[in-house]
Structure formats: C-alpha cells, structure tokens
C-alpha cells in the first residue's frame, strides 16, 4: 500500500476522530501535533508488520485457484480473525 493511501486511511479512521491533522509548514510529511505524529507512526508500523503468505496457486485449465480453507488458514495463522460472509 502506498504512503498516500495509508495516510488517507489513517486520517479517515474513526479511531482518530477529532485529531488535528494540520501538516507542518517546514516538513509537510509530518503533522504539527506530536500526538498525530505518534499515532501515525504506530498506524504505519501496524500495517507494515502485517504480511500474510498465501498458499501456492493450484494450476487448472481455467487458471490458478486458491482454496478458501487454505487462504483462511494463512490469514488466521497471522493472528487475524476471519469472518465468512
């Protein structure tokens, strides 16, 4: 995920509603608020730490396939909750 997309998700998260996201004049990659900078650092670290290795594709005549149970197991092995919808 690109940095702009990650920043957009961070700033729109309801968890940070009301936080001041005014950018610093001298360093626009940072916020004026040290609280916003700290929260964003934590947000980025949580996203960067999340890497899930999916099972290998199974080649078929119709193209590559992954089975839902194998994908679910890979996601759960990363410590994430999976819901069925």
C-alpha atoms as a PDB file:
ATOM      1  CA  UNK A   1       0.000   0.000   0.000  1.00  0.00           C
ATOM      2  CA  UNK A   2       1.362   3.403  -0.906  1.00  0.00           C
ATOM      3  CA  UNK A   3       2.112   6.061   1.680  1.00  0.00           C
ATOM      4  CA  UNK A   4      -0.639   8.384   0.394  1.00  0.00           C
ATOM      5  CA  UNK A   5      -3.258   5.623   0.651  1.00  0.00           C
ATOM      6  CA  UNK A   6      -2.026   4.660   4.125  1.00  0.00           C
ATOM      7  CA  UNK A   7      -2.171   8.320   5.263  1.00  0.00           C
ATOM      8  CA  UNK A   8      -5.697   8.652   3.845  1.00  0.00           C
ATOM      9  CA  UNK A   9      -6.865   5.556   5.758  1.00  0.00           C
ATOM     10  CA  UNK A  10      -5.189   6.798   8.935  1.00  0.00           C
ATOM     11  CA  UNK A  11      -6.747  10.264   8.760  1.00  0.00           C
ATOM     12  CA  UNK A  12     -10.229   8.893   7.991  1.00  0.00           C
ATOM     13  CA  UNK A  13     -10.188   6.262  10.741  1.00  0.00           C
ATOM     14  CA  UNK A  14     -12.943   6.838  13.317  1.00  0.00           C
ATOM     15  CA  UNK A  15     -10.387   5.924  15.989  1.00  0.00           C
ATOM     16  CA  UNK A  16      -8.651   9.280  15.420  1.00  0.00           C
ATOM     17  CA  UNK A  17     -11.765  11.427  15.032  1.00  0.00           C
ATOM     18  CA  UNK A  18     -11.104  14.967  16.222  1.00  0.00           C
ATOM     19  CA  UNK A  19      -7.314  14.707  15.967  1.00  0.00           C
ATOM     20  CA  UNK A  20      -5.532  17.689  14.409  1.00  0.00           C
ATOM     21  CA  UNK A  21      -4.023  16.594  11.096  1.00  0.00           C
ATOM     22  CA  UNK A  22      -2.622  20.004  10.122  1.00  0.00           C
ATOM     23  CA  UNK A  23       0.640  19.442   8.262  1.00  0.00           C
ATOM     24  CA  UNK A  24       3.818  21.132   9.473  1.00  0.00           C
ATOM     25  CA  UNK A  25       4.867  24.034   7.232  1.00  0.00           C
ATOM     26  CA  UNK A  26       8.554  23.137   7.272  1.00  0.00           C
ATOM     27  CA  UNK A  27       8.110  19.353   6.912  1.00  0.00           C
ATOM     28  CA  UNK A  28       4.761  18.539   5.247  1.00  0.00           C
ATOM     29  CA  UNK A  29       5.330  14.806   5.688  1.00  0.00           C
ATOM     30  CA  UNK A  30       4.754  15.429   9.429  1.00  0.00           C
ATOM     31  CA  UNK A  31       1.852  16.881  11.383  1.00  0.00           C
ATOM     32  CA  UNK A  32       2.073  19.887  13.690  1.00  0.00           C
ATOM     33  CA  UNK A  33       0.659  17.766  16.508  1.00  0.00           C
ATOM     34  CA  UNK A  34       3.127  15.401  18.176  1.00  0.00           C
ATOM     35  CA  UNK A  35       0.134  13.231  19.122  1.00  0.00           C
ATOM     36  CA  UNK A  36      -0.866  12.879  15.465  1.00  0.00           C
ATOM     37  CA  UNK A  37       2.738  12.035  14.514  1.00  0.00           C
ATOM     38  CA  UNK A  38       2.940   9.362  17.218  1.00  0.00           C
ATOM     39  CA  UNK A  39      -0.416   7.889  16.267  1.00  0.00           C
ATOM     40  CA  UNK A  40       0.598   7.780  12.598  1.00  0.00           C
ATOM     41  CA  UNK A  41       3.911   6.111  13.431  1.00  0.00           C
ATOM     42  CA  UNK A  42       2.004   3.395  15.303  1.00  0.00           C
ATOM     43  CA  UNK A  43      -0.517   3.073  12.476  1.00  0.00           C
ATOM     44  CA  UNK A  44       2.249   2.673   9.875  1.00  0.00           C
ATOM     45  CA  UNK A  45       4.120   0.122  11.985  1.00  0.00           C
ATOM     46  CA  UNK A  46       0.978  -1.954  12.451  1.00  0.00           C
ATOM     47  CA  UNK A  47       0.361  -2.009   8.701  1.00  0.00           C
ATOM     48  CA  UNK A  48       3.983  -2.739   7.776  1.00  0.00           C
ATOM     49  CA  UNK A  49       4.174  -5.617  10.252  1.00  0.00           C
ATOM     50  CA  UNK A  50       1.164  -7.350   8.716  1.00  0.00           C
ATOM     51  CA  UNK A  51       2.337  -9.702   5.980  1.00  0.00           C
ATOM     52  CA  UNK A  52       0.397 -12.841   5.098  1.00  0.00           C
ATOM     53  CA  UNK A  53       1.919 -15.578   2.983  1.00  0.00           C
ATOM     54  CA  UNK A  54      -0.866 -17.117   0.925  1.00  0.00           C
ATOM     55  CA  UNK A  55      -0.849 -20.742  -0.174  1.00  0.00           C
ATOM     56  CA  UNK A  56       0.509 -21.522  -3.627  1.00  0.00           C
ATOM     57  CA  UNK A  57      -1.883 -21.345  -6.559  1.00  0.00           C
ATOM     58  CA  UNK A  58      -3.189 -24.626  -7.879  1.00  0.00           C
ATOM     59  CA  UNK A  59      -2.929 -24.592 -11.661  1.00  0.00           C
ATOM     60  CA  UNK A  60      -6.062 -25.672 -13.517  1.00  0.00           C
ATOM     61  CA  UNK A  61      -7.266 -25.470 -17.101  1.00  0.00           C
ATOM     62  CA  UNK A  62      -9.381 -22.448 -16.095  1.00  0.00           C
ATOM     63  CA  UNK A  63      -6.422 -20.690 -14.451  1.00  0.00           C
ATOM     64  CA  UNK A  64      -4.889 -20.505 -10.983  1.00  0.00           C
ATOM     65  CA  UNK A  65      -7.115 -21.321  -7.996  1.00  0.00           C
ATOM     66  CA  UNK A  66      -6.729 -20.902  -4.232  1.00  0.00           C
ATOM     67  CA  UNK A  67      -8.993 -22.810  -1.909  1.00  0.00           C
ATOM     68  CA  UNK A  68     -10.844 -20.732   0.677  1.00  0.00           C
ATOM     69  CA  UNK A  69      -9.882 -23.058   3.554  1.00  0.00           C
ATOM     70  CA  UNK A  70      -6.181 -22.664   2.730  1.00  0.00           C
ATOM     71  CA  UNK A  71      -6.459 -18.875   2.481  1.00  0.00           C
ATOM     72  CA  UNK A  72      -8.433 -18.764   5.751  1.00  0.00           C
ATOM     73  CA  UNK A  73      -5.745 -20.842   7.481  1.00  0.00           C
ATOM     74  CA  UNK A  74      -2.997 -18.494   6.233  1.00  0.00           C
ATOM     75  CA  UNK A  75      -4.848 -15.411   7.474  1.00  0.00           C
ATOM     76  CA  UNK A  76      -5.635 -16.991  10.847  1.00  0.00           C
ATOM     77  CA  UNK A  77      -2.002 -18.090  11.207  1.00  0.00           C
ATOM     78  CA  UNK A  78      -1.100 -14.378  11.054  1.00  0.00           C
ATOM     79  CA  UNK A  79      -3.293 -13.858  14.127  1.00  0.00           C
ATOM     80  CA  UNK A  80      -6.209 -12.202  12.354  1.00  0.00           C
ATOM     81  CA  UNK A  81      -9.858 -13.050  12.758  1.00  0.00           C
ATOM     82  CA  UNK A  82     -11.643 -14.262   9.633  1.00  0.00           C
ATOM     83  CA  UNK A  83     -15.391 -13.992   9.115  1.00  0.00           C
ATOM     84  CA  UNK A  84     -17.420 -15.759   6.486  1.00  0.00           C
ATOM     85  CA  UNK A  85     -19.719 -13.506   4.510  1.00  0.00           C
END
